[in-house]
Amino acid sequence: MVDLTLTSVDVNDLLAQCKAAGSTDAEKDIYVTVRVGESQKLGRLSSERLYKFAAGKSGLGRFAKIEVLQRVATGTIDLAKEGVLDEVQKMSMDLTSGTGNVKFDNIAREWRCKWTGPPETHKSLAEVQKALDDAMPKIAAQKGTRTQRVVCGTCNDFKVVTTCKEDNFKTWEENKFAPEEEFLAAIKAISGVSAVETQTYTIMPVKFTPPPPLKKPKVWQIGRLNPNSKSFNLEAKILDEPKEVETKGAAKISEVTIGDKSGKMLVSLKGDQASAVKKDGVYMFRNAKVQMVKGHIRLVVDQWGKIESSDGTVEEVGDKDVSAQEFELVKS
């Protein structure tokens, strides 16, 4: 995080001093630009930097604009080649190889300027708007274009952004972005207009798709369990206190009766599971399975499942005792 402040501006000598608190080597690709009128200075971010502007330079205004930029990619461009699209495509390749997720199929051409004038009239702004109105029929004639206007009353920006698909952009570029030359000449002739510039960049909508809501787990009922039941969720009430039972191995096993409106059954609890449940409490047995003990059904939850307290209620318990029924293994 960098805290950038403009500490002083001397309009007479045209000096601007910036200080950045908290800058480290991590910000080595961070740059700061200071713009006064049509003159702009750029430098790498440092703890303190002084920007000097030539005294008496035309186009200087009463506002200074500071921008913080981060370099995300670099590329080499052959200036002997014609065409803006080649430059845009090369830069896109560098971005894609650097981040792996920068894709585009829309390209924008921007025309921009600064307007000034008495706040009560904004004469230059009105004249720039008229020039845009005159140019719009020719802009709209370009296939597949969409034009937007941006006006900022704080920094006196007037921007015209025309967007189109990559294929249509190449055709428009070959036509010199008509009516660009005519429009720029018209606004340059307006008194109070400065910093007339153009820029080409990619532009894409950014959408956020929230993850799908978690589905409520399907809960089975005790009465429908059979010896082959597995990987199910069960919500039931603890009907008595866990009691330890004798086993052939060294493992400590306890049993407790649980119930829901469809019936009741015994649960085999291993180790700390017995201390995690309390009589009359309602619990969710997640990813449980049936295990046969001497021909009788027992519910078990192994390391792939979980027993946790539930906010649900069990108002009544069915009479069917699933664990009381004896099953006999029959050879097929």
C-alpha atoms as a PDB file:
ATOM      1  CA  MET A   1       0.000   0.000   0.000  1.00  0.00           C
ATOM      2  CA  VAL A   2       1.341   3.421  -0.983  1.00  0.00           C
ATOM      3  CA  ASP A   3       0.106   6.659   0.562  1.00  0.00           C
ATOM      4  CA  LEU A   4       0.749   9.344  -2.091  1.00  0.00           C
ATOM      5  CA  THR A   5       0.316  13.023  -1.266  1.00  0.00           C
ATOM      6  CA  LEU A   6       0.973  16.249  -3.189  1.00  0.00           C
ATOM      7  CA  THR A   7       2.852  18.302  -0.604  1.00  0.00           C
ATOM      8  CA  SER A   8       3.282  21.564  -2.499  1.00  0.00           C
ATOM      9  CA  VAL A   9       2.533  23.241  -5.803  1.00  0.00           C
ATOM     10  CA  ASP A  10       4.199  26.522  -6.781  1.00  0.00           C
ATOM     11  CA  VAL A  11       2.160  27.852  -9.715  1.00  0.00           C
ATOM     12  CA  ASN A  12       4.544  30.708 -10.430  1.00  0.00           C
ATOM     13  CA  ASP A  13       7.656  28.532 -10.737  1.00  0.00           C
ATOM     14  CA  LEU A  14       5.610  25.537 -11.993  1.00  0.00           C
ATOM     15  CA  LEU A  15       6.967  23.058  -9.443  1.00  0.00           C
ATOM     16  CA  ALA A  16       5.111  20.066  -8.009  1.00  0.00           C
ATOM     17  CA  GLN A  17       6.486  17.954  -5.165  1.00  0.00           C
ATOM     18  CA  CYS A  18       5.082  14.474  -4.353  1.00  0.00           C
ATOM     19  CA  LYS A  19       5.824  12.268  -1.362  1.00  0.00           C
ATOM     20  CA  ALA A  20       4.959   8.571  -1.118  1.00  0.00           C
ATOM     21  CA  ALA A  21       4.873   6.984   2.324  1.00  0.00           C
ATOM     22  CA  GLY A  22       5.310   3.242   2.680  1.00  0.00           C
ATOM     23  CA  SER A  23       6.875   2.588  -0.748  1.00  0.00           C
ATOM     24  CA  THR A  24       9.101  -0.481  -0.899  1.00  0.00           C
ATOM     25  CA  ASP A  25      10.853  -2.565  -3.524  1.00  0.00           C
ATOM     26  CA  ALA A  26       7.496  -4.233  -4.126  1.00  0.00           C
ATOM     27  CA  GLU A  27       6.427  -1.024  -5.879  1.00  0.00           C
ATOM     28  CA  LYS A  28       9.344  -1.004  -8.329  1.00  0.00           C
ATOM     29  CA  ASP A  29       6.890  -1.182 -11.240  1.00  0.00           C
ATOM     30  CA  ILE A  30       4.769   1.717  -9.920  1.00  0.00           C
ATOM     31  CA  TYR A  31       4.992   5.070 -11.711  1.00  0.00           C
ATOM     32  CA  VAL A  32       3.574   8.515 -10.872  1.00  0.00           C
ATOM     33  CA  THR A  33       2.532  11.104 -13.439  1.00  0.00           C
ATOM     34  CA  VAL A  34       1.874  14.776 -12.698  1.00  0.00           C
ATOM     35  CA  ARG A  35       0.055  16.805 -15.325  1.00  0.00           C
ATOM     36  CA  VAL A  36      -0.314  20.594 -15.449  1.00  0.00           C
ATOM     37  CA  GLY A  37      -2.277  21.768 -18.468  1.00  0.00           C
ATOM     38  CA  GLU A  38      -0.893  20.006 -21.543  1.00  0.00           C
ATOM     39  CA  SER A  39       2.475  19.261 -19.932  1.00  0.00           C
ATOM     40  CA  GLN A  40       2.936  15.904 -18.214  1.00  0.00           C
ATOM     41  CA  LYS A  41       5.870  14.393 -16.281  1.00  0.00           C
ATOM     42  CA  LEU A  42       6.337  10.719 -15.424  1.00  0.00           C
ATOM     43  CA  GLY A  43       8.743   9.106 -12.976  1.00  0.00           C
ATOM     44  CA  ARG A  44       9.210   5.901 -11.043  1.00  0.00           C
ATOM     45  CA  LEU A  45       7.655   5.914  -7.561  1.00  0.00           C
ATOM     46  CA  SER A  46      10.097   7.013  -4.868  1.00  0.00           C
ATOM     47  CA  SER A  47       9.843   8.405  -1.355  1.00  0.00           C
ATOM     48  CA  GLU A  48      10.064  11.970  -2.697  1.00  0.00           C
ATOM     49  CA  ARG A  49      10.230  13.469  -6.191  1.00  0.00           C
ATOM     50  CA  LEU A  50      10.204  17.018  -7.593  1.00  0.00           C
ATOM     51  CA  TYR A  51       8.546  17.649 -10.956  1.00  0.00           C
ATOM     52  CA  LYS A  52       9.575  20.780 -12.884  1.00  0.00           C
ATOM     53  CA  PHE A  53       7.576  22.398 -15.663  1.00  0.00           C
ATOM     54  CA  ALA A  54       8.924  24.970 -18.117  1.00  0.00           C
ATOM     55  CA  ALA A  55       7.856  28.464 -17.112  1.00  0.00           C
ATOM     56  CA  GLY A  56       5.650  30.230 -19.608  1.00  0.00           C
ATOM     57  CA  LYS A  57       4.688  27.024 -21.432  1.00  0.00           C
ATOM     58  CA  SER A  58       1.380  27.427 -23.237  1.00  0.00           C
ATOM     59  CA  GLY A  59      -1.615  25.440 -22.220  1.00  0.00           C
ATOM     60  CA  LEU A  60      -0.913  25.459 -18.459  1.00  0.00           C
ATOM     61  CA  GLY A  61      -4.054  25.494 -16.367  1.00  0.00           C
ATOM     62  CA  ARG A  62      -4.974  25.980 -12.747  1.00  0.00           C
ATOM     63  CA  PHE A  63      -5.401  22.246 -12.036  1.00  0.00           C
ATOM     64  CA  ALA A  64      -2.720  19.603 -11.497  1.00  0.00           C
ATOM     65  CA  LYS A  65      -3.629  15.959 -12.083  1.00  0.00           C
ATOM     66  CA  ILE A  66      -1.796  13.054 -10.396  1.00  0.00           C
ATOM     67  CA  GLU A  67      -2.047   9.461 -11.638  1.00  0.00           C
ATOM     68  CA  VAL A  68      -0.477   6.314 -10.204  1.00  0.00           C
ATOM     69  CA  LEU A  69       0.297   3.666 -12.828  1.00  0.00           C
ATOM     70  CA  GLN A  70       1.476   0.079 -12.536  1.00  0.00           C
ATOM     71  CA  ARG A  71       3.405  -1.678 -15.297  1.00  0.00           C
ATOM     72  CA  VAL A  72       1.798  -5.051 -15.976  1.00  0.00           C
ATOM     73  CA  ALA A  73       3.625  -5.916 -19.208  1.00  0.00           C
ATOM     74  CA  THR A  74       6.192  -4.639 -21.669  1.00  0.00           C
ATOM     75  CA  GLY A  75       6.523  -5.149 -25.391  1.00  0.00           C
ATOM     76  CA  THR A  76       8.650  -4.134 -28.359  1.00  0.00           C
ATOM     77  CA  ILE A  77       6.818  -2.499 -31.252  1.00  0.00           C
ATOM     78  CA  ASP A  78       8.182  -2.176 -34.772  1.00  0.00           C
ATOM     79  CA  LEU A  79       7.592   1.474 -35.650  1.00  0.00           C
ATOM     80  CA  ALA A  80       8.065   0.689 -39.335  1.00  0.00           C
ATOM     81  CA  LYS A  81       4.801  -1.224 -39.355  1.00  0.00           C
ATOM     82  CA  GLU A  82       1.561   0.525 -40.171  1.00  0.00           C
ATOM     83  CA  GLY A  83      -1.580  -0.004 -38.166  1.00  0.00           C
ATOM     84  CA  VAL A  84      -2.650   0.462 -34.602  1.00  0.00           C
ATOM     85  CA  LEU A  85      -4.145  -3.045 -34.438  1.00  0.00           C
ATOM     86  CA  ASP A  86      -0.740  -4.742 -34.671  1.00  0.00           C
ATOM     87  CA  GLU A  87       0.377  -2.791 -31.620  1.00  0.00           C
ATOM     88  CA  VAL A  88      -2.765  -3.653 -29.662  1.00  0.00           C
ATOM     89  CA  GLN A  89      -2.527  -7.344 -30.572  1.00  0.00           C
ATOM     90  CA  LYS A  90       1.134  -7.566 -29.540  1.00  0.00           C
ATOM     91  CA  MET A  91       0.420  -5.908 -26.207  1.00  0.00           C
ATOM     92  CA  SER A  92      -2.454  -8.330 -25.643  1.00  0.00           C
ATOM     93  CA  MET A  93      -0.129 -11.276 -26.270  1.00  0.00           C
ATOM     94  CA  ASP A  94       2.312  -9.935 -23.679  1.00  0.00           C
ATOM     95  CA  LEU A  95      -0.480  -9.468 -21.151  1.00  0.00           C
ATOM     96  CA  THR A  96      -1.865 -12.945 -21.781  1.00  0.00           C
ATOM     97  CA  SER A  97       1.513 -14.603 -21.408  1.00  0.00           C
ATOM     98  CA  GLY A  98       2.125 -12.621 -18.234  1.00  0.00           C
ATOM     99  CA  THR A  99      -1.163 -13.279 -16.426  1.00  0.00           C
ATOM    100  CA  GLY A 100      -2.810 -16.078 -18.356  1.00  0.00           C
ATOM    101  CA  ASN A 101      -6.316 -14.609 -18.157  1.00  0.00           C
ATOM    102  CA  VAL A 102      -6.376 -11.319 -20.129  1.00  0.00           C
ATOM    103  CA  LYS A 103      -8.675 -11.909 -23.116  1.00  0.00           C
ATOM    104  CA  PHE A 104     -10.436  -9.454 -25.411  1.00  0.00           C
ATOM    105  CA  ASP A 105     -12.473  -9.166 -28.589  1.00  0.00           C
ATOM    106  CA  ASN A 106     -13.518  -5.492 -28.277  1.00  0.00           C
ATOM    107  CA  ILE A 107     -11.250  -2.540 -29.134  1.00  0.00           C
ATOM    108  CA  ALA A 108     -11.941   1.119 -28.351  1.00  0.00           C
ATOM    109  CA  ARG A 109     -10.755   4.349 -29.938  1.00  0.00           C
ATOM    110  CA  GLU A 110     -10.859   7.346 -27.612  1.00  0.00           C
ATOM    111  CA  TRP A 111     -10.833  11.040 -28.479  1.00  0.00           C
ATOM    112  CA  ARG A 112     -10.382  13.351 -25.524  1.00  0.00           C
ATOM    113  CA  CYS A 113      -9.694  16.952 -24.597  1.00  0.00           C
ATOM    114  CA  LYS A 114      -9.845  19.446 -21.738  1.00  0.00           C
ATOM    115  CA  TRP A 115     -12.440  22.200 -21.720  1.00  0.00           C
ATOM    116  CA  THR A 116     -12.445  25.433 -19.731  1.00  0.00           C
ATOM    117  CA  GLY A 117     -14.626  28.474 -19.370  1.00  0.00           C
ATOM    118  CA  PRO A 118     -16.759  30.402 -16.906  1.00  0.00           C
ATOM    119  CA  PRO A 119     -18.739  27.965 -14.736  1.00  0.00           C
ATOM    120  CA  GLU A 120     -21.971  29.780 -15.475  1.00  0.00           C
ATOM    121  CA  THR A 121     -21.660  29.311 -19.256  1.00  0.00           C
ATOM    122  CA  HIS A 122     -19.276  26.413 -20.030  1.00  0.00           C
ATOM    123  CA  LYS A 123     -19.126  27.799 -23.553  1.00  0.00           C
ATOM    124  CA  SER A 124     -16.228  25.598 -24.696  1.00  0.00           C
ATOM    125  CA  LEU A 125     -17.984  22.470 -23.374  1.00  0.00           C
ATOM    126  CA  ALA A 126     -21.136  23.332 -25.317  1.00  0.00           C
ATOM    127  CA  GLU A 127     -19.114  23.866 -28.499  1.00  0.00           C
ATOM    128  CA  VAL A 128     -17.298  20.515 -28.104  1.00  0.00           C
ATOM    129  CA  GLN A 129     -20.671  18.823 -27.675  1.00  0.00           C
ATOM    130  CA  LYS A 130     -21.916  20.490 -30.872  1.00  0.00           C
ATOM    131  CA  ALA A 131     -18.839  19.212 -32.725  1.00  0.00           C
ATOM    132  CA  LEU A 132     -19.639  15.693 -31.486  1.00  0.00           C
ATOM    133  CA  ASP A 133     -23.281  16.026 -32.569  1.00  0.00           C
ATOM    134  CA  ASP A 134     -22.091  17.026 -36.052  1.00  0.00           C
ATOM    135  CA  ALA A 135     -19.718  14.040 -36.203  1.00  0.00           C
ATOM    136  CA  MET A 136     -22.145  11.415 -34.904  1.00  0.00           C
ATOM    137  CA  PRO A 137     -23.800  10.569 -38.267  1.00  0.00           C
ATOM    138  CA  LYS A 138     -20.395   9.605 -39.689  1.00  0.00           C
ATOM    139  CA  ILE A 139     -19.403   7.719 -36.511  1.00  0.00           C
ATOM    140  CA  ALA A 140     -22.670   5.793 -36.518  1.00  0.00           C
ATOM    141  CA  ALA A 141     -22.092   4.850 -40.166  1.00  0.00           C
ATOM    142  CA  GLN A 142     -19.122   2.690 -39.117  1.00  0.00           C
ATOM    143  CA  LYS A 143     -20.198  -0.956 -38.947  1.00  0.00           C
ATOM    144  CA  GLY A 144     -20.698  -2.423 -35.491  1.00  0.00           C
ATOM    145  CA  THR A 145     -19.625   0.628 -33.476  1.00  0.00           C
ATOM    146  CA  ARG A 146     -20.977   1.816 -30.145  1.00  0.00           C
ATOM    147  CA  THR A 147     -20.138   5.334 -28.951  1.00  0.00           C
ATOM    148  CA  GLN A 148     -20.169   6.686 -25.393  1.00  0.00           C
ATOM    149  CA  ARG A 149     -19.397  10.125 -24.020  1.00  0.00           C
ATOM    150  CA  VAL A 150     -17.642  10.876 -20.706  1.00  0.00           C
ATOM    151  CA  VAL A 151     -17.680  14.365 -19.168  1.00  0.00           C
ATOM    152  CA  CYS A 152     -15.991  15.177 -15.831  1.00  0.00           C
ATOM    153  CA  GLY A 153     -16.890  18.482 -14.188  1.00  0.00           C
ATOM    154  CA  THR A 154     -13.993  18.214 -11.728  1.00  0.00           C
ATOM    155  CA  CYS A 155     -11.025  17.687 -14.070  1.00  0.00           C
ATOM    156  CA  ASN A 156     -12.775  19.165 -17.149  1.00  0.00           C
ATOM    157  CA  ASP A 157     -12.375  16.014 -19.237  1.00  0.00           C
ATOM    158  CA  PHE A 158     -14.432  15.432 -22.382  1.00  0.00           C
ATOM    159  CA  LYS A 159     -14.020  11.939 -23.841  1.00  0.00           C
ATOM    160  CA  VAL A 160     -15.612  10.155 -26.772  1.00  0.00           C
ATOM    161  CA  VAL A 161     -15.130   6.365 -26.687  1.00  0.00           C
ATOM    162  CA  THR A 162     -16.128   4.314 -29.718  1.00  0.00           C
ATOM    163  CA  THR A 163     -16.021   0.535 -29.328  1.00  0.00           C
ATOM    164  CA  CYS A 164     -16.328  -2.256 -31.856  1.00  0.00           C
ATOM    165  CA  LYS A 165     -15.350  -5.853 -32.463  1.00  0.00           C
ATOM    166  CA  GLU A 166     -11.795  -6.656 -33.491  1.00  0.00           C
ATOM    167  CA  ASP A 167     -12.650  -7.386 -37.153  1.00  0.00           C
ATOM    168  CA  ASN A 168     -14.666  -4.179 -37.566  1.00  0.00           C
ATOM    169  CA  PHE A 169     -11.931  -2.168 -35.852  1.00  0.00           C
ATOM    170  CA  LYS A 170      -9.374  -3.091 -38.510  1.00  0.00           C
ATOM    171  CA  THR A 171     -11.695  -1.821 -41.242  1.00  0.00           C
ATOM    172  CA  TRP A 172     -12.288   1.411 -39.323  1.00  0.00           C
ATOM    173  CA  GLU A 173      -8.560   1.837 -38.768  1.00  0.00           C
ATOM    174  CA  GLU A 174      -7.893   1.509 -42.498  1.00  0.00           C
ATOM    175  CA  ASN A 175     -10.391   4.368 -42.942  1.00  0.00           C
ATOM    176  CA  LYS A 176      -8.299   6.487 -40.486  1.00  0.00           C
ATOM    177  CA  PHE A 177     -11.013   6.249 -37.841  1.00  0.00           C
ATOM    178  CA  ALA A 178     -13.255   8.593 -39.815  1.00  0.00           C
ATOM    179  CA  PRO A 179     -14.368  11.192 -38.900  1.00  0.00           C
ATOM    180  CA  GLU A 180     -11.479  11.473 -36.407  1.00  0.00           C
ATOM    181  CA  GLU A 181      -9.394  14.068 -38.304  1.00  0.00           C
ATOM    182  CA  GLU A 182     -12.431  16.248 -38.941  1.00  0.00           C
ATOM    183  CA  PHE A 183     -13.635  16.065 -35.322  1.00  0.00           C
ATOM    184  CA  LEU A 184     -10.199  16.765 -33.795  1.00  0.00           C
ATOM    185  CA  ALA A 185      -9.653  19.743 -36.092  1.00  0.00           C
ATOM    186  CA  ALA A 186     -13.035  21.144 -35.080  1.00  0.00           C
ATOM    187  CA  ILE A 187     -12.430  20.956 -31.322  1.00  0.00           C
ATOM    188  CA  LYS A 188      -8.851  22.260 -31.592  1.00  0.00           C
ATOM    189  CA  ALA A 189     -10.289  25.423 -33.120  1.00  0.00           C
ATOM    190  CA  ILE A 190     -12.520  26.022 -30.079  1.00  0.00           C
ATOM    191  CA  SER A 191     -11.265  28.638 -27.615  1.00  0.00           C
ATOM    192  CA  GLY A 192     -10.640  27.119 -24.176  1.00  0.00           C
ATOM    193  CA  VAL A 193     -10.046  23.581 -25.444  1.00  0.00           C
ATOM    194  CA  SER A 194      -6.654  21.967 -24.761  1.00  0.00           C
ATOM    195  CA  ALA A 195      -4.919  18.599 -24.421  1.00  0.00           C
ATOM    196  CA  VAL A 196      -6.533  17.113 -27.539  1.00  0.00           C
ATOM    197  CA  GLU A 197      -5.413  13.471 -27.634  1.00  0.00           C
ATOM    198  CA  THR A 198      -6.343  10.048 -28.997  1.00  0.00           C
ATOM    199  CA  GLN A 199      -5.796   6.580 -27.585  1.00  0.00           C
ATOM    200  CA  THR A 200      -6.533   2.980 -28.561  1.00  0.00           C
ATOM    201  CA  TYR A 201      -7.092   0.238 -26.001  1.00  0.00           C
ATOM    202  CA  THR A 202      -9.012  -2.951 -25.424  1.00  0.00           C
ATOM    203  CA  ILE A 203     -12.231  -2.828 -23.458  1.00  0.00           C
ATOM    204  CA  MET A 204     -14.242  -5.714 -22.074  1.00  0.00           C
ATOM    205  CA  PRO A 205     -17.189  -6.078 -19.683  1.00  0.00           C
ATOM    206  CA  VAL A 206     -16.302  -7.620 -16.350  1.00  0.00           C
ATOM    207  CA  LYS A 207     -18.885  -9.888 -14.817  1.00  0.00           C
ATOM    208  CA  PHE A 208     -19.000 -11.642 -11.474  1.00  0.00           C
ATOM    209  CA  THR A 209     -20.825 -14.940 -11.351  1.00  0.00           C
ATOM    210  CA  PRO A 210     -21.489 -15.904  -7.755  1.00  0.00           C
ATOM    211  CA  PRO A 211     -21.017 -19.544  -6.883  1.00  0.00           C
ATOM    212  CA  PRO A 212     -24.235 -21.556  -6.781  1.00  0.00           C
ATOM    213  CA  PRO A 213     -25.866 -21.680  -3.351  1.00  0.00           C
ATOM    214  CA  LEU A 214     -25.095 -24.754  -1.335  1.00  0.00           C
ATOM    215  CA  LYS A 215     -27.825 -27.324  -1.588  1.00  0.00           C
ATOM    216  CA  LYS A 216     -29.418 -28.486   1.602  1.00  0.00           C
ATOM    217  CA  PRO A 217     -28.278 -32.076   2.181  1.00  0.00           C
ATOM    218  CA  LYS A 218     -30.876 -34.776   1.688  1.00  0.00           C
ATOM    219  CA  VAL A 219     -31.850 -36.287   5.036  1.00  0.00           C
ATOM    220  CA  TRP A 220     -33.000 -39.888   5.288  1.00  0.00           C
ATOM    221  CA  GLN A 221     -35.373 -41.376   7.841  1.00  0.00           C
ATOM    222  CA  ILE A 222     -34.518 -44.245  10.168  1.00  0.00           C
ATOM    223  CA  GLY A 223     -37.488 -46.331   9.040  1.00  0.00           C
ATOM    224  CA  ARG A 224     -36.188 -46.687   5.481  1.00  0.00           C
ATOM    225  CA  LEU A 225     -32.713 -48.013   6.378  1.00  0.00           C
ATOM    226  CA  ASN A 226     -31.645 -51.510   5.408  1.00  0.00           C
ATOM    227  CA  PRO A 227     -28.428 -53.562   5.680  1.00  0.00           C
ATOM    228  CA  ASN A 228     -27.090 -52.076   2.425  1.00  0.00           C
ATOM    229  CA  SER A 229     -27.658 -48.389   3.289  1.00  0.00           C
ATOM    230  CA  LYS A 230     -24.568 -46.187   3.082  1.00  0.00           C
ATOM    231  CA  SER A 231     -23.434 -42.589   2.482  1.00  0.00           C
ATOM    232  CA  PHE A 232     -26.580 -40.978   3.917  1.00  0.00           C
ATOM    233  CA  ASN A 233     -27.428 -38.113   6.270  1.00  0.00           C
ATOM    234  CA  LEU A 234     -29.676 -38.677   9.245  1.00  0.00           C
ATOM    235  CA  GLU A 235     -31.152 -36.202  11.747  1.00  0.00           C
ATOM    236  CA  ALA A 236     -32.273 -37.810  14.998  1.00  0.00           C
ATOM    237  CA  LYS A 237     -32.775 -37.290  18.708  1.00  0.00           C
ATOM    238  CA  ILE A 238     -30.629 -38.997  21.367  1.00  0.00           C
ATOM    239  CA  LEU A 239     -33.036 -41.067  23.488  1.00  0.00           C
ATOM    240  CA  ASP A 240     -30.727 -42.307  26.276  1.00  0.00           C
ATOM    241  CA  GLU A 241     -27.196 -42.069  27.606  1.00  0.00           C
ATOM    242  CA  PRO A 242     -24.355 -43.806  25.688  1.00  0.00           C
ATOM    243  CA  LYS A 243     -23.426 -47.175  27.228  1.00  0.00           C
ATOM    244  CA  GLU A 244     -20.099 -48.895  26.701  1.00  0.00           C
ATOM    245  CA  VAL A 245     -20.291 -52.408  25.220  1.00  0.00           C
ATOM    246  CA  GLU A 246     -17.824 -55.265  25.234  1.00  0.00           C
ATOM    247  CA  THR A 247     -15.844 -55.871  22.052  1.00  0.00           C
ATOM    248  CA  LYS A 248     -13.230 -58.388  20.987  1.00  0.00           C
ATOM    249  CA  GLY A 249     -10.702 -55.688  20.096  1.00  0.00           C
ATOM    250  CA  ALA A 250      -9.080 -52.890  22.063  1.00  0.00           C
ATOM    251  CA  ALA A 251     -11.326 -50.174  20.624  1.00  0.00           C
ATOM    252  CA  LYS A 252     -13.726 -48.496  23.047  1.00  0.00           C
ATOM    253  CA  ILE A 253     -17.276 -48.768  21.642  1.00  0.00           C
ATOM    254  CA  SER A 254     -20.451 -47.280  23.095  1.00  0.00           C
ATOM    255  CA  GLU A 255     -24.039 -47.599  21.933  1.00  0.00           C
ATOM    256  CA  VAL A 256     -26.883 -45.139  22.167  1.00  0.00           C
ATOM    257  CA  THR A 257     -30.474 -45.171  20.897  1.00  0.00           C
ATOM    258  CA  ILE A 258     -31.577 -42.474  18.474  1.00  0.00           C
ATOM    259  CA  GLY A 259     -35.000 -41.800  16.992  1.00  0.00           C
ATOM    260  CA  ASP A 260     -37.049 -39.772  14.542  1.00  0.00           C
ATOM    261  CA  LYS A 261     -40.731 -39.829  13.533  1.00  0.00           C
ATOM    262  CA  SER A 262     -40.188 -42.973  11.437  1.00  0.00           C
ATOM    263  CA  GLY A 263     -38.551 -45.138  14.109  1.00  0.00           C
ATOM    264  CA  LYS A 264     -35.496 -45.731  16.277  1.00  0.00           C
ATOM    265  CA  MET A 265     -32.205 -47.615  16.132  1.00  0.00           C
ATOM    266  CA  LEU A 266     -28.842 -48.139  17.837  1.00  0.00           C
ATOM    267  CA  VAL A 267     -25.740 -46.123  16.977  1.00  0.00           C
ATOM    268  CA  SER A 268     -22.234 -47.486  17.556  1.00  0.00           C
ATOM    269  CA  LEU A 269     -19.978 -44.688  18.814  1.00  0.00           C
ATOM    270  CA  LYS A 270     -16.209 -45.006  18.757  1.00  0.00           C
ATOM    271  CA  GLY A 271     -13.864 -43.176  21.135  1.00  0.00           C
ATOM    272  CA  ASP A 272     -14.682 -39.484  21.625  1.00  0.00           C
ATOM    273  CA  GLN A 273     -17.954 -39.753  19.696  1.00  0.00           C
ATOM    274  CA  ALA A 274     -19.695 -40.950  22.887  1.00  0.00           C
ATOM    275  CA  SER A 275     -18.811 -37.759  24.788  1.00  0.00           C
ATOM    276  CA  ALA A 276     -19.943 -35.565  21.857  1.00  0.00           C
ATOM    277  CA  VAL A 277     -23.648 -36.472  22.197  1.00  0.00           C
ATOM    278  CA  LYS A 278     -26.065 -35.717  25.049  1.00  0.00           C
ATOM    279  CA  LYS A 279     -29.445 -37.189  25.915  1.00  0.00           C
ATOM    280  CA  ASP A 280     -32.435 -35.331  24.390  1.00  0.00           C
ATOM    281  CA  GLY A 281     -30.136 -33.482  21.986  1.00  0.00           C
ATOM    282  CA  VAL A 282     -30.784 -33.497  18.251  1.00  0.00           C
ATOM    283  CA  TYR A 283     -27.801 -34.328  16.026  1.00  0.00           C
ATOM    284  CA  MET A 284     -26.983 -34.624  12.338  1.00  0.00           C
ATOM    285  CA  PHE A 285     -25.148 -37.821  11.369  1.00  0.00           C
ATOM    286  CA  ARG A 286     -23.408 -36.938   8.089  1.00  0.00           C
ATOM    287  CA  ASN A 287     -22.147 -39.497   5.566  1.00  0.00           C
ATOM    288  CA  ALA A 288     -23.239 -42.319   7.852  1.00  0.00           C
ATOM    289  CA  LYS A 289     -23.602 -45.974   6.935  1.00  0.00           C
ATOM    290  CA  VAL A 290     -25.168 -49.183   8.240  1.00  0.00           C
ATOM    291  CA  GLN A 291     -22.970 -51.815   9.813  1.00  0.00           C
ATOM    292  CA  MET A 292     -24.252 -55.273  10.748  1.00  0.00           C
ATOM    293  CA  VAL A 293     -23.495 -56.536  14.271  1.00  0.00           C
ATOM    294  CA  LYS A 294     -24.556 -60.154  14.860  1.00  0.00           C
ATOM    295  CA  GLY A 295     -27.312 -59.800  12.257  1.00  0.00           C
ATOM    296  CA  HIS A 296     -28.642 -56.485  13.586  1.00  0.00           C
ATOM    297  CA  ILE A 297     -28.424 -53.006  12.088  1.00  0.00           C
ATOM    298  CA  ARG A 298     -26.177 -50.426  13.708  1.00  0.00           C
ATOM    299  CA  LEU A 299     -25.525 -46.909  12.471  1.00  0.00           C
ATOM    300  CA  VAL A 300     -21.844 -45.879  12.346  1.00  0.00           C
ATOM    301  CA  VAL A 301     -20.005 -42.711  11.353  1.00  0.00           C
ATOM    302  CA  ASP A 302     -16.366 -43.319  10.409  1.00  0.00           C
ATOM    303  CA  GLN A 303     -13.524 -40.899   9.639  1.00  0.00           C
ATOM    304  CA  TRP A 304     -15.231 -39.838   6.402  1.00  0.00           C
ATOM    305  CA  GLY A 305     -18.370 -38.635   8.217  1.00  0.00           C
ATOM    306  CA  LYS A 306     -19.284 -36.276  11.019  1.00  0.00           C
ATOM    307  CA  ILE A 307     -21.618 -36.033  14.000  1.00  0.00           C
ATOM    308  CA  GLU A 308     -22.682 -32.484  14.778  1.00  0.00           C
ATOM    309  CA  SER A 309     -25.348 -30.699  16.786  1.00  0.00           C
ATOM    310  CA  SER A 310     -28.460 -29.679  14.845  1.00  0.00           C
ATOM    311  CA  ASP A 311     -30.915 -26.816  15.266  1.00  0.00           C
ATOM    312  CA  GLY A 312     -33.731 -29.120  14.190  1.00  0.00           C
ATOM    313  CA  THR A 313     -36.345 -30.650  16.471  1.00  0.00           C
ATOM    314  CA  VAL A 314     -37.792 -34.126  16.765  1.00  0.00           C
ATOM    315  CA  GLU A 315     -41.303 -33.838  18.255  1.00  0.00           C
ATOM    316  CA  GLU A 316     -42.182 -37.528  18.154  1.00  0.00           C
ATOM    317  CA  VAL A 317     -40.374 -40.853  17.806  1.00  0.00           C
ATOM    318  CA  GLY A 318     -41.809 -43.721  15.808  1.00  0.00           C
ATOM    319  CA  ASP A 319     -42.353 -47.162  17.328  1.00  0.00           C
ATOM    320  CA  LYS A 320     -40.434 -49.114  14.670  1.00  0.00           C
ATOM    321  CA  ASP A 321     -37.137 -50.427  16.113  1.00  0.00           C
ATOM    322  CA  VAL A 322     -34.878 -50.979  13.122  1.00  0.00           C
ATOM    323  CA  SER A 323     -32.078 -52.493  15.215  1.00  0.00           C
ATOM    324  CA  ALA A 324     -34.405 -55.048  16.828  1.00  0.00           C
ATOM    325  CA  GLN A 325     -35.018 -56.869  13.558  1.00  0.00           C
ATOM    326  CA  GLU A 326     -32.591 -59.703  12.885  1.00  0.00           C
ATOM    327  CA  PHE A 327     -31.257 -60.272   9.395  1.00  0.00           C
ATOM    328  CA  GLU A 328     -29.811 -63.510   8.091  1.00  0.00           C
ATOM    329  CA  LEU A 329     -27.152 -63.640   5.397  1.00  0.00           C
ATOM    330  CA  VAL A 330     -28.368 -65.931   2.633  1.00  0.00           C
ATOM    331  CA  LYS A 331     -25.965 -67.452   0.147  1.00  0.00           C
ATOM    332  CA  SER A 332     -26.897 -66.689  -3.449  1.00  0.00           C
END
